[in-house]
Amino acid sequence: MNRCEIYINDMGGWVRVYLGRGEPAGETAGYLSDSLTHWFRDRPNLRMVCIVPVSRDGDTAELHAWYEDRVPPVTTDQQPQ
C-alpha cells in the first residue's frame, strides 16, 4: 500500500493544499481535492471563491483556493456586557 502526506497551509484568505512526501496510488488530484473538501467542511463559516490547480509535468501537484469568511469577526464593542 502506498502512503502519502498531504499538507494544508491556511495563508489567511487563501489555502494551499499540496503533496508532501510519498506517492499516492492513482491520480494525485483526487487526494488533493478530497483534502480540500474536508478542510472546508471543518470550517462552515468559510465560502470558497476561487480555486486554481497547479500542475507539474502534466499532473496536478497543488490546489490553491481563495475564500471569504461569511461570519464577520466580533469586535470588542459588539460583545455583550
PDB file of N, CA and C in Angstrom:
ATOM      1  N   MET A   1       0.833  -1.178   0.000  1.00  0.00           N
ATOM      2  CA  MET A   1       0.000   0.000   0.000  1.00  0.00           C
ATOM      3  C   MET A   1       0.880   1.244   0.000  1.00  0.00           C
ATOM      4  N   ASN A   2       0.599   2.152  -0.915  1.00  0.00           N
ATOM      5  CA  ASN A   2       1.346   3.410  -0.983  1.00  0.00           C
ATOM      6  C   ASN A   2       0.779   4.401   0.019  1.00  0.00           C
ATOM      7  N   ARG A   3       1.678   5.155   0.637  1.00  0.00           N
ATOM      8  CA  ARG A   3       1.283   6.176   1.603  1.00  0.00           C
ATOM      9  C   ARG A   3       1.796   7.520   1.109  1.00  0.00           C
ATOM     10  N   CYS A   4       1.047   8.569   1.413  1.00  0.00           N
ATOM     11  CA  CYS A   4       1.494   9.907   1.043  1.00  0.00           C
ATOM     12  C   CYS A   4       1.076  10.877   2.133  1.00  0.00           C
ATOM     13  N   GLU A   5       1.729  12.015   2.134  1.00  0.00           N
ATOM     14  CA  GLU A   5       1.394  13.077   3.075  1.00  0.00           C
ATOM     15  C   GLU A   5       0.858  14.255   2.282  1.00  0.00           C
ATOM     16  N   ILE A   6      -0.267  14.776   2.717  1.00  0.00           N
ATOM     17  CA  ILE A   6      -0.832  15.961   2.098  1.00  0.00           C
ATOM     18  C   ILE A   6      -0.843  17.059   3.138  1.00  0.00           C
ATOM     19  N   TYR A   7      -0.309  18.207   2.753  1.00  0.00           N
ATOM     20  CA  TYR A   7      -0.223  19.349   3.655  1.00  0.00           C
ATOM     21  C   TYR A   7      -1.229  20.411   3.247  1.00  0.00           C
ATOM     22  N   ILE A   8      -1.762  21.098   4.245  1.00  0.00           N
ATOM     23  CA  ILE A   8      -2.693  22.198   4.008  1.00  0.00           C
ATOM     24  C   ILE A   8      -2.198  23.393   4.808  1.00  0.00           C
ATOM     25  N   ASN A   9      -1.938  24.492   4.101  1.00  0.00           N
ATOM     26  CA  ASN A   9      -1.495  25.728   4.747  1.00  0.00           C
ATOM     27  C   ASN A   9      -2.539  26.800   4.528  1.00  0.00           C
ATOM     28  N   ASP A  10      -3.088  27.313   5.639  1.00  0.00           N
ATOM     29  CA  ASP A  10      -4.011  28.436   5.573  1.00  0.00           C
ATOM     30  C   ASP A  10      -3.168  29.700   5.513  1.00  0.00           C
ATOM     31  N   MET A  11      -3.274  30.418   4.411  1.00  0.00           N
ATOM     32  CA  MET A  11      -2.446  31.591   4.180  1.00  0.00           C
ATOM     33  C   MET A  11      -3.197  32.882   4.508  1.00  0.00           C
ATOM     34  N   GLY A  12      -4.346  32.781   5.146  1.00  0.00           N
ATOM     35  CA  GLY A  12      -5.129  33.960   5.509  1.00  0.00           C
ATOM     36  C   GLY A  12      -5.822  34.570   4.308  1.00  0.00           C
ATOM     37  N   GLY A  13      -6.909  33.980   3.882  1.00  0.00           N
ATOM     38  CA  GLY A  13      -7.632  34.440   2.698  1.00  0.00           C
ATOM     39  C   GLY A  13      -7.526  33.454   1.546  1.00  0.00           C
ATOM     40  N   TRP A  14      -6.529  32.599   1.594  1.00  0.00           N
ATOM     41  CA  TRP A  14      -6.419  31.512   0.634  1.00  0.00           C
ATOM     42  C   TRP A  14      -5.718  30.338   1.299  1.00  0.00           C
ATOM     43  N   VAL A  15      -5.939  29.165   0.756  1.00  0.00           N
ATOM     44  CA  VAL A  15      -5.394  27.946   1.343  1.00  0.00           C
ATOM     45  C   VAL A  15      -4.624  27.188   0.260  1.00  0.00           C
ATOM     46  N   ARG A  16      -3.514  26.610   0.663  1.00  0.00           N
ATOM     47  CA  ARG A  16      -2.660  25.841  -0.255  1.00  0.00           C
ATOM     48  C   ARG A  16      -2.686  24.383   0.178  1.00  0.00           C
ATOM     49  N   VAL A  17      -3.039  23.495  -0.752  1.00  0.00           N
ATOM     50  CA  VAL A  17      -3.076  22.056  -0.498  1.00  0.00           C
ATOM     51  C   VAL A  17      -2.052  21.410  -1.430  1.00  0.00           C
ATOM     52  N   TYR A  18      -1.102  20.676  -0.860  1.00  0.00           N
ATOM     53  CA  TYR A  18      -0.047  20.110  -1.698  1.00  0.00           C
ATOM     54  C   TYR A  18       0.463  18.789  -1.137  1.00  0.00           C
ATOM     55  N   LEU A  19       1.068  18.041  -2.007  1.00  0.00           N
ATOM     56  CA  LEU A  19       1.589  16.728  -1.672  1.00  0.00           C
ATOM     57  C   LEU A  19       2.943  16.858  -1.004  1.00  0.00           C
ATOM     58  N   GLY A  20       3.084  16.182   0.120  1.00  0.00           N
ATOM     59  CA  GLY A  20       4.372  16.147   0.811  1.00  0.00           C
ATOM     60  C   GLY A  20       5.171  14.961   0.325  1.00  0.00           C
ATOM     61  N   ARG A  21       5.672  14.194   1.239  1.00  0.00           N
ATOM     62  CA  ARG A  21       6.451  13.014   0.864  1.00  0.00           C
ATOM     63  C   ARG A  21       5.536  11.863   0.502  1.00  0.00           C
ATOM     64  N   GLY A  22       6.057  10.955  -0.290  1.00  0.00           N
ATOM     65  CA  GLY A  22       5.324   9.752  -0.661  1.00  0.00           C
ATOM     66  C   GLY A  22       4.641   9.895  -2.003  1.00  0.00           C
ATOM     67  N   GLU A  23       4.188   8.786  -2.502  1.00  0.00           N
ATOM     68  CA  GLU A  23       3.484   8.753  -3.786  1.00  0.00           C
ATOM     69  C   GLU A  23       2.149   8.040  -3.599  1.00  0.00           C
ATOM     70  N   PRO A  24       1.053   8.732  -3.831  1.00  0.00           N
ATOM     71  CA  PRO A  24      -0.249   8.066  -3.713  1.00  0.00           C
ATOM     72  C   PRO A  24      -0.483   7.150  -4.906  1.00  0.00           C
ATOM     73  N   ALA A  25      -1.254   6.116  -4.688  1.00  0.00           N
ATOM     74  CA  ALA A  25      -1.648   5.243  -5.794  1.00  0.00           C
ATOM     75  C   ALA A  25      -2.741   5.960  -6.575  1.00  0.00           C
ATOM     76  N   GLY A  26      -2.585   6.097  -7.856  1.00  0.00           N
ATOM     77  CA  GLY A  26      -3.605   6.759  -8.668  1.00  0.00           C
ATOM     78  C   GLY A  26      -3.301   8.226  -8.868  1.00  0.00           C
ATOM     79  N   GLU A  27      -4.318   8.966  -9.226  1.00  0.00           N
ATOM     80  CA  GLU A  27      -4.154  10.378  -9.559  1.00  0.00           C
ATOM     81  C   GLU A  27      -4.073  11.247  -8.307  1.00  0.00           C
ATOM     82  N   THR A  28      -3.089  12.104  -8.257  1.00  0.00           N
ATOM     83  CA  THR A  28      -2.866  12.994  -7.117  1.00  0.00           C
ATOM     84  C   THR A  28      -4.002  13.983  -6.927  1.00  0.00           C
ATOM     85  N   ALA A  29      -4.590  14.465  -8.010  1.00  0.00           N
ATOM     86  CA  ALA A  29      -5.636  15.488  -7.939  1.00  0.00           C
ATOM     87  C   ALA A  29      -6.793  15.050  -7.036  1.00  0.00           C
ATOM     88  N   GLY A  30      -7.173  13.812  -7.084  1.00  0.00           N
ATOM     89  CA  GLY A  30      -8.267  13.315  -6.250  1.00  0.00           C
ATOM     90  C   GLY A  30      -7.954  13.408  -4.766  1.00  0.00           C
ATOM     91  N   TYR A  31      -6.728  13.091  -4.388  1.00  0.00           N
ATOM     92  CA  TYR A  31      -6.314  13.183  -2.990  1.00  0.00           C
ATOM     93  C   TYR A  31      -6.309  14.634  -2.516  1.00  0.00           C
ATOM     94  N   LEU A  32      -5.791  15.520  -3.364  1.00  0.00           N
ATOM     95  CA  LEU A  32      -5.746  16.932  -3.011  1.00  0.00           C
ATOM     96  C   LEU A  32      -7.151  17.508  -2.883  1.00  0.00           C
ATOM     97  N   SER A  33      -8.009  17.179  -3.824  1.00  0.00           N
ATOM     98  CA  SER A  33      -9.385  17.670  -3.813  1.00  0.00           C
ATOM     99  C   SER A  33     -10.142  17.176  -2.584  1.00  0.00           C
ATOM    100  N   ASP A  34      -9.971  15.917  -2.242  1.00  0.00           N
ATOM    101  CA  ASP A  34     -10.643  15.349  -1.076  1.00  0.00           C
ATOM    102  C   ASP A  34     -10.172  16.043   0.205  1.00  0.00           C
ATOM    103  N   SER A  35      -8.885  16.315   0.309  1.00  0.00           N
ATOM    104  CA  SER A  35      -8.342  17.005   1.482  1.00  0.00           C
ATOM    105  C   SER A  35      -8.890  18.417   1.594  1.00  0.00           C
ATOM    106  N   LEU A  36      -8.975  19.108   0.464  1.00  0.00           N
ATOM    107  CA  LEU A  36      -9.521  20.465   0.465  1.00  0.00           C
ATOM    108  C   LEU A  36     -10.999  20.455   0.858  1.00  0.00           C
ATOM    109  N   THR A  37     -11.747  19.495   0.370  1.00  0.00           N
ATOM    110  CA  THR A  37     -13.161  19.364   0.718  1.00  0.00           C
ATOM    111  C   THR A  37     -13.337  19.188   2.219  1.00  0.00           C
ATOM    112  N   HIS A  38     -12.547  18.312   2.810  1.00  0.00           N
ATOM    113  CA  HIS A  38     -12.633  18.094   4.269  1.00  0.00           C
ATOM    114  C   HIS A  38     -12.241  19.350   5.033  1.00  0.00           C
ATOM    115  N   TRP A  39     -11.247  20.076   4.556  1.00  0.00           N
ATOM    116  CA  TRP A  39     -10.811  21.305   5.218  1.00  0.00           C
ATOM    117  C   TRP A  39     -11.955  22.313   5.260  1.00  0.00           C
ATOM    118  N   PHE A  40     -12.656  22.490   4.138  1.00  0.00           N
ATOM    119  CA  PHE A  40     -13.781  23.425   4.112  1.00  0.00           C
ATOM    120  C   PHE A  40     -14.969  22.925   4.931  1.00  0.00           C
ATOM    121  N   ARG A  41     -15.206  21.637   4.973  1.00  0.00           N
ATOM    122  CA  ARG A  41     -16.303  21.100   5.794  1.00  0.00           C
ATOM    123  C   ARG A  41     -16.064  21.365   7.273  1.00  0.00           C
ATOM    124  N   ASP A  42     -14.817  21.392   7.682  1.00  0.00           N
ATOM    125  CA  ASP A  42     -14.479  21.677   9.077  1.00  0.00           C
ATOM    126  C   ASP A  42     -14.583  23.163   9.405  1.00  0.00           C
ATOM    127  N   ARG A  43     -14.797  23.990   8.389  1.00  0.00           N
ATOM    128  CA  ARG A  43     -14.903  25.448   8.560  1.00  0.00           C
ATOM    129  C   ARG A  43     -16.140  25.964   7.827  1.00  0.00           C
ATOM    130  N   PRO A  44     -17.323  25.687   8.361  1.00  0.00           N
ATOM    131  CA  PRO A  44     -18.559  26.054   7.647  1.00  0.00           C
ATOM    132  C   PRO A  44     -18.763  27.555   7.481  1.00  0.00           C
ATOM    133  N   ASN A  45     -18.019  28.372   8.214  1.00  0.00           N
ATOM    134  CA  ASN A  45     -18.140  29.825   8.070  1.00  0.00           C
ATOM    135  C   ASN A  45     -17.408  30.346   6.832  1.00  0.00           C
ATOM    136  N   LEU A  46     -16.565  29.509   6.213  1.00  0.00           N
ATOM    137  CA  LEU A  46     -15.807  29.933   5.037  1.00  0.00           C
ATOM    138  C   LEU A  46     -16.525  29.528   3.751  1.00  0.00           C
ATOM    139  N   ARG A  47     -16.431  30.397   2.744  1.00  0.00           N
ATOM    140  CA  ARG A  47     -17.004  30.116   1.426  1.00  0.00           C
ATOM    141  C   ARG A  47     -15.904  30.240   0.386  1.00  0.00           C
ATOM    142  N   MET A  48     -15.702  29.152  -0.367  1.00  0.00           N
ATOM    143  CA  MET A  48     -14.688  29.166  -1.401  1.00  0.00           C
ATOM    144  C   MET A  48     -15.119  30.094  -2.536  1.00  0.00           C
ATOM    145  N   VAL A  49     -14.209  30.958  -2.952  1.00  0.00           N
ATOM    146  CA  VAL A  49     -14.490  31.927  -4.004  1.00  0.00           C
ATOM    147  C   VAL A  49     -13.879  31.480  -5.325  1.00  0.00           C
ATOM    148  N   CYS A  50     -12.668  30.945  -5.266  1.00  0.00           N
ATOM    149  CA  CYS A  50     -11.940  30.583  -6.481  1.00  0.00           C
ATOM    150  C   CYS A  50     -10.951  29.476  -6.157  1.00  0.00           C
ATOM    151  N   ILE A  51     -10.719  28.593  -7.114  1.00  0.00           N
ATOM    152  CA  ILE A  51      -9.724  27.532  -6.940  1.00  0.00           C
ATOM    153  C   ILE A  51      -8.895  27.431  -8.212  1.00  0.00           C
ATOM    154  N   VAL A  52      -7.590  27.229  -8.036  1.00  0.00           N
ATOM    155  CA  VAL A  52      -6.670  27.114  -9.167  1.00  0.00           C
ATOM    156  C   VAL A  52      -5.789  25.886  -8.961  1.00  0.00           C
ATOM    157  N   PRO A  53      -5.755  24.979  -9.943  1.00  0.00           N
ATOM    158  CA  PRO A  53      -4.824  23.854  -9.851  1.00  0.00           C
ATOM    159  C   PRO A  53      -3.435  24.284 -10.328  1.00  0.00           C
ATOM    160  N   VAL A  54      -2.417  23.767  -9.683  1.00  0.00           N
ATOM    161  CA  VAL A  54      -1.040  23.994 -10.103  1.00  0.00           C
ATOM    162  C   VAL A  54      -0.517  22.654 -10.596  1.00  0.00           C
ATOM    163  N   SER A  55      -0.048  22.612 -11.838  1.00  0.00           N
ATOM    164  CA  SER A  55       0.403  21.334 -12.387  1.00  0.00           C
ATOM    165  C   SER A  55       1.899  21.328 -12.632  1.00  0.00           C
ATOM    166  N   ARG A  56       2.449  20.135 -12.541  1.00  0.00           N
ATOM    167  CA  ARG A  56       3.862  19.892 -12.849  1.00  0.00           C
ATOM    168  C   ARG A  56       3.929  18.640 -13.706  1.00  0.00           C
ATOM    169  N   ASP A  57       4.569  18.755 -14.829  1.00  0.00           N
ATOM    170  CA  ASP A  57       4.708  17.626 -15.759  1.00  0.00           C
ATOM    171  C   ASP A  57       3.352  17.023 -16.132  1.00  0.00           C
ATOM    172  N   GLY A  58       2.332  17.865 -16.233  1.00  0.00           N
ATOM    173  CA  GLY A  58       1.007  17.407 -16.646  1.00  0.00           C
ATOM    174  C   GLY A  58       0.138  16.843 -15.539  1.00  0.00           C
ATOM    175  N   ASP A  59       0.653  16.780 -14.318  1.00  0.00           N
ATOM    176  CA  ASP A  59      -0.113  16.259 -13.186  1.00  0.00           C
ATOM    177  C   ASP A  59      -0.409  17.383 -12.207  1.00  0.00           C
ATOM    178  N   THR A  60      -1.572  17.325 -11.566  1.00  0.00           N
ATOM    179  CA  THR A  60      -1.914  18.316 -10.550  1.00  0.00           C
ATOM    180  C   THR A  60      -1.046  18.085  -9.330  1.00  0.00           C
ATOM    181  N   ALA A  61      -0.279  19.108  -8.958  1.00  0.00           N
ATOM    182  CA  ALA A  61       0.646  18.999  -7.830  1.00  0.00           C
ATOM    183  C   ALA A  61       0.155  19.765  -6.610  1.00  0.00           C
ATOM    184  N   GLU A  62      -0.657  20.810  -6.828  1.00  0.00           N
ATOM    185  CA  GLU A  62      -1.174  21.637  -5.741  1.00  0.00           C
ATOM    186  C   GLU A  62      -2.542  22.171  -6.116  1.00  0.00           C
ATOM    187  N   LEU A  63      -3.280  22.561  -5.086  1.00  0.00           N
ATOM    188  CA  LEU A  63      -4.519  23.314  -5.270  1.00  0.00           C
ATOM    189  C   LEU A  63      -4.410  24.571  -4.425  1.00  0.00           C
ATOM    190  N   HIS A  64      -4.757  25.704  -5.008  1.00  0.00           N
ATOM    191  CA  HIS A  64      -4.816  26.967  -4.274  1.00  0.00           C
ATOM    192  C   HIS A  64      -6.269  27.428  -4.314  1.00  0.00           C
ATOM    193  N   ALA A  65      -6.844  27.664  -3.160  1.00  0.00           N
ATOM    194  CA  ALA A  65      -8.253  28.057  -3.085  1.00  0.00           C
ATOM    195  C   ALA A  65      -8.386  29.332  -2.258  1.00  0.00           C
ATOM    196  N   TRP A  66      -9.057  30.330  -2.835  1.00  0.00           N
ATOM    197  CA  TRP A  66      -9.324  31.578  -2.133  1.00  0.00           C
ATOM    198  C   TRP A  66     -10.698  31.488  -1.490  1.00  0.00           C
ATOM    199  N   TYR A  67     -10.841  32.097  -0.321  1.00  0.00           N
ATOM    200  CA  TYR A  67     -12.097  32.005   0.405  1.00  0.00           C
ATOM    201  C   TYR A  67     -12.428  33.332   1.069  1.00  0.00           C
ATOM    202  N   GLU A  68     -13.689  33.431   1.488  1.00  0.00           N
ATOM    203  CA  GLU A  68     -14.115  34.565   2.294  1.00  0.00           C
ATOM    204  C   GLU A  68     -14.840  34.039   3.512  1.00  0.00           C
ATOM    205  N   ASP A  69     -14.781  34.798   4.578  1.00  0.00           N
ATOM    206  CA  ASP A  69     -15.434  34.430   5.831  1.00  0.00           C
ATOM    207  C   ASP A  69     -16.835  35.024   5.824  1.00  0.00           C
ATOM    208  N   ARG A  70     -17.843  34.165   5.931  1.00  0.00           N
ATOM    209  CA  ARG A  70     -19.239  34.631   5.901  1.00  0.00           C
ATOM    210  C   ARG A  70     -19.695  35.199   7.225  1.00  0.00           C
ATOM    211  N   VAL A  71     -18.938  34.976   8.285  1.00  0.00           N
ATOM    212  CA  VAL A  71     -19.294  35.479   9.609  1.00  0.00           C
ATOM    213  C   VAL A  71     -18.279  36.546   9.983  1.00  0.00           C
ATOM    214  N   PRO A  72     -18.703  37.796  10.095  1.00  0.00           N
ATOM    215  CA  PRO A  72     -17.743  38.846  10.446  1.00  0.00           C
ATOM    216  C   PRO A  72     -17.217  38.647  11.864  1.00  0.00           C
ATOM    217  N   PRO A  73     -15.976  39.022  12.104  1.00  0.00           N
ATOM    218  CA  PRO A  73     -15.425  38.865  13.468  1.00  0.00           C
ATOM    219  C   PRO A  73     -16.124  39.798  14.442  1.00  0.00           C
ATOM    220  N   VAL A  74     -16.216  39.350  15.688  1.00  0.00           N
ATOM    221  CA  VAL A  74     -16.835  40.147  16.744  1.00  0.00           C
ATOM    222  C   VAL A  74     -15.790  41.142  17.256  1.00  0.00           C
ATOM    223  N   THR A  75     -16.145  42.408  17.271  1.00  0.00           N
ATOM    224  CA  THR A  75     -15.236  43.412  17.817  1.00  0.00           C
ATOM    225  C   THR A  75     -15.547  43.611  19.289  1.00  0.00           C
ATOM    226  N   THR A  76     -14.668  44.257  19.999  1.00  0.00           N
ATOM    227  CA  THR A  76     -14.838  44.418  21.450  1.00  0.00           C
ATOM    228  C   THR A  76     -16.077  45.233  21.802  1.00  0.00           C
ATOM    229  N   ASP A  77     -16.494  46.187  20.947  1.00  0.00           N
ATOM    230  CA  ASP A  77     -17.689  46.981  21.249  1.00  0.00           C
ATOM    231  C   ASP A  77     -18.981  46.230  20.949  1.00  0.00           C
ATOM    232  N   GLN A  78     -18.899  45.059  20.289  1.00  0.00           N
ATOM    233  CA  GLN A  78     -20.095  44.258  19.985  1.00  0.00           C
ATOM    234  C   GLN A  78     -20.322  43.142  20.995  1.00  0.00           C
ATOM    235  N   GLN A  79     -19.365  42.885  21.867  1.00  0.00           N
ATOM    236  CA  GLN A  79     -19.502  41.803  22.821  1.00  0.00           C
ATOM    237  C   GLN A  79     -20.477  42.190  23.926  1.00  0.00           C
ATOM    238  N   PRO A  80     -21.300  41.219  24.364  1.00  0.00           N
ATOM    239  CA  PRO A  80     -22.258  41.511  25.447  1.00  0.00           C
ATOM    240  C   PRO A  80     -21.536  41.871  26.737  1.00  0.00           C
ATOM    241  N   GLN A  81     -22.142  42.755  27.507  1.00  0.00           N
ATOM    242  CA  GLN A  81     -21.543  43.204  28.775  1.00  0.00           C
ATOM    243  C   GLN A  81     -21.874  42.249  29.887  1.00  0.00           C
TER     244      GLN A  81
END
